[in-house]
Amino acid sequence: MIDERRLVDLALRLVSTPSFTGSEEACARVVVSELEGLGLEVMWQQVEDGRANVVGTLAGGGGGPTLMFNGHTDTSYSGEEPWLRDIPGFRPEGFERDGRIYGLGISNMKGALACYVEAVRSLIDGGVRLRGDVMIAAVCGEIEKTQQGDAQGAEYRGYAAGSRYLVGHGGAADVCILGEPTENKLVLAHYGTIWARLRVHGPFIHTAFSTGRLEENSIVRMRAVFDRVLEWLPEWEQEMSYGEVRGVANVGAIQGGFGWRASRTPHSTDLFLDLRVPPDVPMAEARRKALAFLRGLDGVEAEVYVTAPGAEIDEASPVVGAVAEAHEEVFGSAPERDVTRWFSDASVLSRYGIATLNYGTSSGLPDAELGENLEIDGLVKTAEVYARAAQKVCG
């Protein structure tokens, strides 16, 4: 049986332990305490100073496959961003209200981590003996971010940094359930991405001597480039469709000049693009196609600085069938299938031969007033699905 109070208390402790990307170690220690309390074999992986992975293993009796539950401890934000810090659901201070849990990271994805622990605890309490091992991997550095330019350091090392370390240091399993928020749909595929930077140059001169040279200004020069990019993005989206799911692209940032010295024209201006890539398109091929267009723009330097592949799982995989069956038992109806255009650690895990299914509770999409939140009943049911699926997978 899933113990709702125990599950909620753990979720609140995890949310109330700040773990912005690059500073996940304190949250990892909370997980260690829980896993040791269950009597699991616990491995501490010091990924770098201030951040760690934790792997707990419930040893099976032998002869069955190994199932991994994988979840990241880092949060999308720190909670100190000026535009977020007054919204309670974006603070690393969990609280319970009207059958819901609020707080930074509850949906992405500390609620899932709490569900993993409670699912395994329920198996132990119930005297269930599995043939295969069950692993709980709490990893750092999943959030979609990367080092670029002056943005250097651990807080910018995301995009599966922790899971890459995990699989290179003993984190091997046959299959994985990854509890990203999927609205309890089975995500059979998700997109990857290319991040590209375009740069145009211009003279660096004082405003007093810029008369007649406005068209040379790198920001002004970027205007024509921007127009060409906006014309091209729908072509990329169409070409990068995956079945009936159309591709997507985003203009992520533009940088040029110095706000503190507007008396100078900017020596260069950069435009940053997020070009989503379906899992059936090789990243090298997508990179070539992107750069072929970008390098063809007049006077533009272009580089690709992120290549994060997508992932897919065969509908016939045992973990898909196990979760689908468990979901129907708990929710009373068959789960929907989905293809998403966000990234997950399935990208890395699947490339190590670990068939990975994304399945988790609601995304708890932030509302304007309260921020991240999840329904407690949804967490309890999801934990029950995880416990049942573990029995089906591991035997």
Protein backbone atom coordinates (compact mmCIF):
# COMPACT_ATOMS: atom_id res chain seq x y z
CA MET A 1 0.00 0.00 0.00
CA ILE A 2 1.16 3.51 -0.80
CA ASP A 3 1.29 5.64 2.34
CA GLU A 4 0.00 9.08 1.29
CA ARG A 5 1.28 10.93 4.34
CA ARG A 6 4.74 9.45 4.02
CA LEU A 7 4.84 10.30 0.32
CA VAL A 8 3.71 13.89 0.90
CA ASP A 9 6.19 14.46 3.72
CA LEU A 10 9.10 13.29 1.57
CA ALA A 11 7.98 15.41 -1.39
CA LEU A 12 7.82 18.46 0.89
CA ARG A 13 11.32 17.79 2.26
CA LEU A 14 12.74 17.45 -1.24
CA VAL A 15 11.06 20.63 -2.48
CA SER A 16 12.23 22.50 0.62
CA THR A 17 15.85 21.54 -0.06
CA PRO A 18 17.14 24.02 -2.68
CA SER A 19 18.91 22.28 -5.57
CA PHE A 20 19.42 24.69 -8.44
CA THR A 21 21.60 23.24 -11.20
CA GLY A 22 25.17 23.10 -9.94
CA SER A 23 24.16 22.88 -6.25
CA GLU A 24 22.32 19.58 -5.97
CA GLU A 25 24.37 17.92 -3.22
CA ALA A 26 22.12 18.87 -0.29
CA CYS A 27 19.12 17.31 -2.03
CA ALA A 28 21.19 14.23 -2.85
CA ARG A 29 21.88 13.82 0.86
CA VAL A 30 18.15 13.82 1.62
CA VAL A 31 17.75 10.99 -0.90
CA VAL A 32 20.68 9.08 0.65
CA SER A 33 19.02 9.23 4.06
CA GLU A 34 15.76 7.85 2.65
CA LEU A 35 17.40 5.04 0.68
CA GLU A 36 19.60 3.97 3.56
CA GLY A 37 16.52 3.94 5.77
CA LEU A 38 14.98 1.44 3.36
CA GLY A 39 18.00 -0.81 3.65
CA LEU A 40 19.01 -0.38 0.01
CA GLU A 41 22.57 -0.67 -1.23
CA VAL A 42 23.51 2.99 -1.70
CA MET A 43 26.17 4.39 -4.03
CA TRP A 44 27.30 8.02 -3.84
CA GLN A 45 28.67 9.47 -7.08
CA GLN A 46 30.50 12.77 -6.60
CA VAL A 47 30.02 14.27 -10.05
CA GLU A 48 31.88 17.45 -9.08
CA ASP A 49 32.14 19.80 -6.12
CA GLY A 50 28.68 20.60 -4.79
CA ARG A 51 26.81 18.09 -6.91
CA ALA A 52 26.29 14.36 -6.77
CA ASN A 53 24.24 11.43 -7.99
CA VAL A 54 22.77 8.87 -5.61
CA VAL A 55 21.96 5.31 -6.65
CA GLY A 56 20.04 2.96 -4.37
CA THR A 57 19.55 -0.69 -5.29
CA LEU A 58 16.98 -3.14 -3.99
CA ALA A 59 18.70 -6.42 -4.78
CA GLY A 60 16.56 -9.08 -6.42
CA GLY A 61 16.73 -12.81 -5.95
CA GLY A 62 18.34 -13.31 -9.36
CA GLY A 63 17.23 -14.21 -12.85
CA GLY A 64 15.17 -11.11 -13.59
CA PRO A 65 15.84 -7.88 -15.46
CA THR A 66 17.05 -4.71 -13.73
CA LEU A 67 14.66 -1.75 -13.62
CA MET A 68 15.93 1.78 -13.02
CA PHE A 69 13.82 4.64 -11.75
CA ASN A 70 15.66 7.80 -12.84
CA GLY A 71 14.95 11.37 -11.75
CA HIS A 72 16.85 14.63 -11.60
CA THR A 73 17.28 16.69 -8.47
CA ASP A 74 18.04 20.03 -10.12
CA THR A 75 15.27 22.56 -10.58
CA SER A 76 14.50 24.74 -13.57
CA TYR A 77 15.01 27.92 -11.56
CA SER A 78 16.63 29.00 -8.31
CA GLY A 79 13.55 30.75 -6.96
CA GLU A 80 15.56 33.96 -6.59
CA GLU A 81 14.83 35.25 -10.08
CA PRO A 82 13.25 38.72 -9.66
CA TRP A 83 10.28 37.78 -11.82
CA LEU A 84 9.61 34.54 -9.85
CA ARG A 85 10.63 35.07 -6.21
CA ASP A 86 7.25 36.45 -5.13
CA ILE A 87 5.35 33.45 -6.54
CA PRO A 88 5.05 30.81 -3.80
CA GLY A 89 5.12 27.84 -6.18
CA PHE A 90 8.50 28.98 -7.48
CA ARG A 91 10.09 29.07 -4.04
CA PRO A 92 12.11 26.12 -2.67
CA GLU A 93 9.69 26.05 0.26
CA GLY A 94 7.12 23.32 -0.12
CA PHE A 95 3.65 23.59 1.36
CA GLU A 96 0.38 21.70 1.19
CA ARG A 97 -2.98 23.31 0.43
CA ASP A 98 -6.37 21.92 -0.63
CA GLY A 99 -5.06 18.53 -1.68
CA ARG A 100 -2.09 19.88 -3.62
CA ILE A 101 1.62 20.37 -3.01
CA TYR A 102 3.20 23.67 -4.04
CA GLY A 103 6.84 24.56 -4.44
CA LEU A 104 9.78 24.77 -6.81
CA GLY A 105 10.54 21.42 -8.42
CA ILE A 106 7.47 19.50 -7.25
CA SER A 107 6.46 18.71 -10.83
CA ASN A 108 9.90 18.76 -12.45
CA MET A 109 10.62 16.38 -10.88
CA LYS A 110 10.92 15.95 -7.12
CA GLY A 111 7.40 14.58 -6.91
CA ALA A 112 8.53 11.66 -9.06
CA LEU A 113 11.56 11.06 -6.84
CA ALA A 114 9.27 10.82 -3.82
CA CYS A 115 7.04 8.41 -5.76
CA TYR A 116 10.01 6.15 -6.54
CA VAL A 117 11.00 5.93 -2.89
CA GLU A 118 7.46 5.28 -1.70
CA ALA A 119 6.87 2.68 -4.43
CA VAL A 120 9.95 0.71 -3.40
CA ARG A 121 9.10 1.14 0.28
CA SER A 122 5.64 -0.32 -0.36
CA LEU A 123 7.20 -3.37 -2.03
CA ILE A 124 9.51 -3.90 0.95
CA ASP A 125 6.72 -3.38 3.48
CA GLY A 126 4.55 -5.82 1.54
CA GLY A 127 7.20 -8.52 1.60
CA VAL A 128 7.44 -8.59 -2.18
CA ARG A 129 10.51 -10.46 -3.39
CA LEU A 130 11.57 -9.63 -6.92
CA ARG A 131 13.87 -11.61 -9.18
CA GLY A 132 15.49 -8.55 -10.77
CA ASP A 133 17.09 -5.53 -9.13
CA VAL A 134 15.30 -2.21 -8.74
CA MET A 135 17.48 0.90 -8.84
CA ILE A 136 16.56 4.44 -7.82
CA ALA A 137 18.91 6.95 -9.45
CA ALA A 138 18.67 10.58 -8.30
CA VAL A 139 20.88 12.54 -10.69
CA CYS A 140 22.11 16.09 -11.00
CA GLY A 141 22.25 18.32 -14.04
CA GLU A 142 19.34 17.43 -16.33
CA ILE A 143 17.81 20.86 -16.94
CA GLU A 144 18.18 22.20 -20.48
CA LYS A 145 21.13 24.57 -20.18
CA THR A 146 24.77 24.71 -21.23
CA GLN A 147 27.94 26.71 -20.81
CA GLN A 148 28.23 29.43 -23.42
CA GLY A 149 30.32 32.57 -23.66
CA ASP A 150 30.72 34.14 -20.23
CA ALA A 151 28.19 31.71 -18.71
CA GLN A 152 30.65 29.19 -17.32
CA GLY A 153 30.56 26.90 -14.31
CA ALA A 154 28.53 24.09 -12.75
CA GLU A 155 25.27 26.04 -12.76
CA TYR A 156 25.33 25.92 -16.56
CA ARG A 157 26.24 22.24 -16.90
CA GLY A 158 22.91 20.55 -17.55
CA TYR A 159 21.54 18.54 -20.46
CA ALA A 160 22.01 15.10 -18.82
CA ALA A 161 25.34 15.87 -17.12
CA GLY A 162 24.41 13.66 -14.17
CA SER A 163 23.01 10.76 -16.17
CA ARG A 164 26.08 10.76 -18.42
CA TYR A 165 28.17 10.30 -15.29
CA LEU A 166 25.72 7.70 -13.97
CA VAL A 167 25.91 5.35 -16.93
CA GLY A 168 29.69 5.61 -17.06
CA HIS A 169 30.02 4.66 -13.40
CA GLY A 170 27.91 1.58 -12.84
CA GLY A 171 24.42 2.84 -13.67
CA ALA A 172 23.49 -0.02 -15.97
CA ALA A 173 19.95 -1.40 -16.23
CA ASP A 174 17.79 -3.24 -18.72
CA VAL A 175 14.95 -0.75 -18.69
CA CYS A 176 14.13 2.58 -17.07
CA ILE A 177 11.04 4.46 -16.00
CA LEU A 178 11.71 8.19 -16.04
CA GLY A 179 9.03 10.12 -14.18
CA GLU A 180 9.12 13.40 -16.06
CA PRO A 181 5.71 15.11 -15.93
CA THR A 182 3.77 13.51 -18.80
CA GLU A 183 0.17 13.87 -17.55
CA ASN A 184 0.32 10.07 -16.97
CA LYS A 185 0.75 9.47 -20.69
CA LEU A 186 3.29 7.00 -22.06
CA VAL A 187 5.86 9.11 -23.90
CA LEU A 188 7.21 6.82 -26.60
CA ALA A 189 9.44 9.47 -28.15
CA HIS A 190 10.75 12.94 -27.46
CA TYR A 191 12.64 15.50 -29.47
CA GLY A 192 16.25 16.53 -29.09
CA THR A 193 17.69 19.89 -30.01
CA ILE A 194 20.37 21.94 -31.68
CA TRP A 195 21.30 25.31 -30.25
CA ALA A 196 22.90 27.61 -32.77
CA ARG A 197 24.53 31.04 -32.52
CA LEU A 198 24.57 33.54 -35.39
CA ARG A 199 26.88 36.57 -35.24
CA VAL A 200 27.17 39.74 -37.31
CA HIS A 201 29.90 42.34 -36.83
CA GLY A 202 29.99 46.11 -36.99
CA PRO A 203 32.33 48.99 -36.16
CA PHE A 204 32.91 49.90 -32.50
CA ILE A 205 32.64 53.69 -32.51
CA HIS A 206 31.43 56.54 -30.33
CA THR A 207 27.90 57.79 -31.00
CA ALA A 208 29.32 61.26 -31.74
CA PHE A 209 31.16 59.84 -34.77
CA SER A 210 28.45 57.46 -36.01
CA THR A 211 26.57 59.87 -38.25
CA GLY A 212 25.72 58.26 -41.56
CA ARG A 213 26.87 54.81 -40.42
CA LEU A 214 23.67 53.47 -38.86
CA GLU A 215 23.37 50.66 -41.40
CA GLU A 216 26.81 49.39 -40.31
CA ASN A 217 25.63 48.99 -36.72
CA SER A 218 25.66 45.25 -35.92
CA ILE A 219 22.23 45.39 -34.29
CA VAL A 220 20.76 47.06 -37.35
CA ARG A 221 22.57 44.56 -39.60
CA MET A 222 21.04 41.72 -37.59
CA ARG A 223 17.57 42.94 -38.52
CA ALA A 224 17.81 41.61 -42.08
CA VAL A 225 19.31 38.35 -40.82
CA PHE A 226 16.50 37.99 -38.31
CA ASP A 227 13.90 38.44 -41.04
CA ARG A 228 15.50 35.66 -43.12
CA VAL A 229 15.62 33.35 -40.10
CA LEU A 230 11.95 33.96 -39.33
CA GLU A 231 11.08 33.05 -42.93
CA TRP A 232 13.12 29.84 -42.66
CA LEU A 233 11.97 28.52 -39.28
CA PRO A 234 8.62 27.15 -40.57
CA GLU A 235 10.57 25.17 -43.20
CA TRP A 236 12.70 23.65 -40.43
CA GLU A 237 9.62 22.82 -38.38
CA GLN A 238 7.98 21.08 -41.31
CA GLU A 239 11.09 19.11 -42.25
CA MET A 240 11.65 18.06 -38.63
CA SER A 241 8.21 16.56 -38.15
CA TYR A 242 7.92 13.18 -36.45
CA GLY A 243 4.88 11.39 -37.77
CA GLU A 244 1.95 13.72 -37.15
CA VAL A 245 3.92 15.83 -34.66
CA ARG A 246 5.25 18.95 -36.30
CA GLY A 247 8.71 20.16 -35.38
CA VAL A 248 9.27 23.35 -33.45
CA ALA A 249 11.93 26.05 -33.19
CA ASN A 250 12.48 29.06 -30.99
CA VAL A 251 14.37 32.33 -31.04
CA GLY A 252 15.96 32.00 -27.61
CA ALA A 253 18.07 35.14 -27.15
CA ILE A 254 19.64 38.14 -28.81
CA GLN A 255 22.68 39.97 -27.45
CA GLY A 256 24.47 43.04 -28.70
CA GLY A 257 26.15 46.06 -27.24
CA PHE A 258 26.42 47.23 -23.65
CA GLY A 259 23.52 48.73 -21.75
CA TRP A 260 25.95 50.47 -19.44
CA ARG A 261 27.71 52.08 -22.42
CA ALA A 262 25.09 52.99 -24.98
CA SER A 263 27.43 55.68 -26.24
CA ARG A 264 29.21 53.01 -28.33
CA THR A 265 27.94 51.01 -31.28
CA PRO A 266 28.08 47.23 -30.64
CA HIS A 267 31.08 45.48 -32.20
CA SER A 268 28.95 42.33 -32.68
CA THR A 269 25.41 41.08 -32.19
CA ASP A 270 24.43 37.46 -31.59
CA LEU A 271 21.16 35.65 -32.27
CA PHE A 272 20.52 32.30 -30.55
CA LEU A 273 18.19 29.62 -31.90
CA ASP A 274 16.71 26.46 -30.40
CA LEU A 275 16.00 24.05 -33.27
CA ARG A 276 14.20 20.91 -32.11
CA VAL A 277 15.22 17.64 -33.80
CA PRO A 278 13.07 14.47 -33.90
CA PRO A 279 14.61 11.24 -32.59
CA ASP A 280 14.72 9.62 -36.03
CA VAL A 281 16.99 12.31 -37.51
CA PRO A 282 20.73 11.84 -36.76
CA MET A 283 22.20 14.87 -35.04
CA ALA A 284 25.04 15.13 -37.56
CA GLU A 285 22.49 15.33 -40.36
CA ALA A 286 20.42 17.95 -38.54
CA ARG A 287 23.55 19.96 -37.79
CA ARG A 288 24.58 19.95 -41.46
CA LYS A 289 21.14 21.12 -42.55
CA ALA A 290 21.03 23.92 -40.00
CA LEU A 291 24.53 25.18 -40.77
CA ALA A 292 23.96 24.96 -44.54
CA PHE A 293 21.23 27.59 -44.19
CA LEU A 294 22.84 29.70 -41.47
CA ARG A 295 26.24 29.90 -43.15
CA GLY A 296 24.54 30.92 -46.38
CA LEU A 297 23.30 34.16 -44.83
CA ASP A 298 25.30 37.17 -45.97
CA GLY A 299 27.98 38.30 -43.53
CA VAL A 300 26.97 35.85 -40.80
CA GLU A 301 29.17 33.63 -38.62
CA ALA A 302 27.34 30.54 -37.38
CA GLU A 303 28.11 27.81 -34.88
CA VAL A 304 26.25 24.95 -33.23
CA TYR A 305 27.02 24.76 -29.50
CA VAL A 306 24.47 22.18 -28.28
CA THR A 307 23.58 18.84 -29.84
CA ALA A 308 21.23 16.89 -27.57
CA PRO A 309 19.62 13.91 -29.33
CA GLY A 310 16.05 12.87 -28.82
CA ALA A 311 14.95 9.41 -27.73
CA GLU A 312 12.34 6.80 -28.60
CA ILE A 313 11.24 3.44 -27.26
CA ASP A 314 9.61 0.53 -29.04
CA GLU A 315 5.95 0.06 -28.20
CA ALA A 316 6.78 -3.65 -27.79
CA SER A 317 9.30 -3.00 -25.00
CA PRO A 318 8.41 -4.88 -21.79
CA VAL A 319 8.54 -1.68 -19.75
CA VAL A 320 5.90 -0.06 -21.97
CA GLY A 321 3.58 -3.01 -21.52
CA ALA A 322 4.22 -3.16 -17.78
CA VAL A 323 3.47 0.53 -17.17
CA ALA A 324 0.44 0.47 -19.47
CA GLU A 325 -1.00 -2.51 -17.61
CA ALA A 326 -0.25 -1.00 -14.20
CA HIS A 327 -1.76 2.34 -15.22
CA GLU A 328 -4.99 0.67 -16.31
CA GLU A 329 -5.19 -1.23 -13.03
CA VAL A 330 -4.78 1.96 -11.00
CA PHE A 331 -6.66 4.53 -13.11
CA GLY A 332 -9.27 2.22 -14.59
CA SER A 333 -8.55 3.10 -18.22
CA ALA A 334 -5.76 2.59 -20.73
CA PRO A 335 -3.11 5.34 -20.83
CA GLU A 336 -2.68 7.61 -23.82
CA ARG A 337 0.51 7.63 -25.87
CA ASP A 338 2.42 10.80 -26.59
CA VAL A 339 5.38 12.32 -28.40
CA THR A 340 6.83 15.41 -26.72
CA ARG A 341 9.12 18.16 -27.90
CA TRP A 342 10.98 18.55 -24.62
CA PHE A 343 14.24 16.79 -23.72
CA SER A 344 14.86 14.19 -21.01
CA ASP A 345 17.68 11.97 -19.75
CA ALA A 346 16.21 9.18 -21.87
CA SER A 347 18.50 10.68 -24.52
CA VAL A 348 21.59 9.38 -22.72
CA LEU A 349 20.10 6.28 -21.11
CA SER A 350 18.76 4.88 -24.36
CA ARG A 351 22.16 5.27 -25.99
CA TYR A 352 23.57 2.99 -23.31
CA GLY A 353 21.05 0.33 -24.27
CA ILE A 354 18.61 1.16 -21.46
CA ALA A 355 15.11 1.21 -22.93
CA THR A 356 13.60 4.27 -21.25
CA LEU A 357 9.96 5.24 -20.93
CA ASN A 358 8.93 8.70 -19.75
CA TYR A 359 5.86 8.38 -17.55
CA GLY A 360 4.91 10.65 -14.70
CA THR A 361 2.17 12.67 -13.13
CA SER A 362 0.86 16.06 -14.21
CA SER A 363 3.17 18.78 -15.42
CA GLY A 364 1.60 21.01 -12.78
CA LEU A 365 1.85 23.82 -15.30
CA PRO A 366 2.54 27.02 -13.38
CA ASP A 367 -0.37 29.35 -12.96
CA ALA A 368 0.15 33.07 -12.81
CA GLU A 369 -0.36 33.34 -9.07
CA LEU A 370 0.90 30.15 -7.42
CA GLY A 371 3.57 28.54 -9.63
CA GLU A 372 4.46 24.83 -9.61
CA ASN A 373 1.95 22.54 -7.95
CA LEU A 374 0.72 18.94 -8.10
CA GLU A 375 -2.38 17.12 -6.94
CA ILE A 376 -1.56 14.73 -4.09
CA ASP A 377 -3.99 12.08 -5.32
CA GLY A 378 -2.15 12.05 -8.66
CA LEU A 379 1.16 11.45 -6.89
CA VAL A 380 -0.27 8.57 -4.86
CA LYS A 381 -1.71 6.88 -7.94
CA THR A 382 1.52 7.36 -9.87
CA ALA A 383 3.52 5.78 -7.04
CA GLU A 384 1.15 2.83 -7.13
CA VAL A 385 1.70 2.48 -10.88
CA TYR A 386 5.47 2.46 -10.30
CA ALA A 387 5.19 -0.25 -7.63
CA ARG A 388 3.01 -2.46 -9.82
CA ALA A 389 5.21 -1.90 -12.87
CA ALA A 390 8.32 -2.92 -10.91
CA GLN A 391 6.70 -6.24 -10.06
CA LYS A 392 5.72 -6.83 -13.68
CA VAL A 393 9.16 -5.92 -15.06
CA CYS A 394 11.37 -7.60 -12.47
CA GLY A 395 9.21 -10.64 -11.83
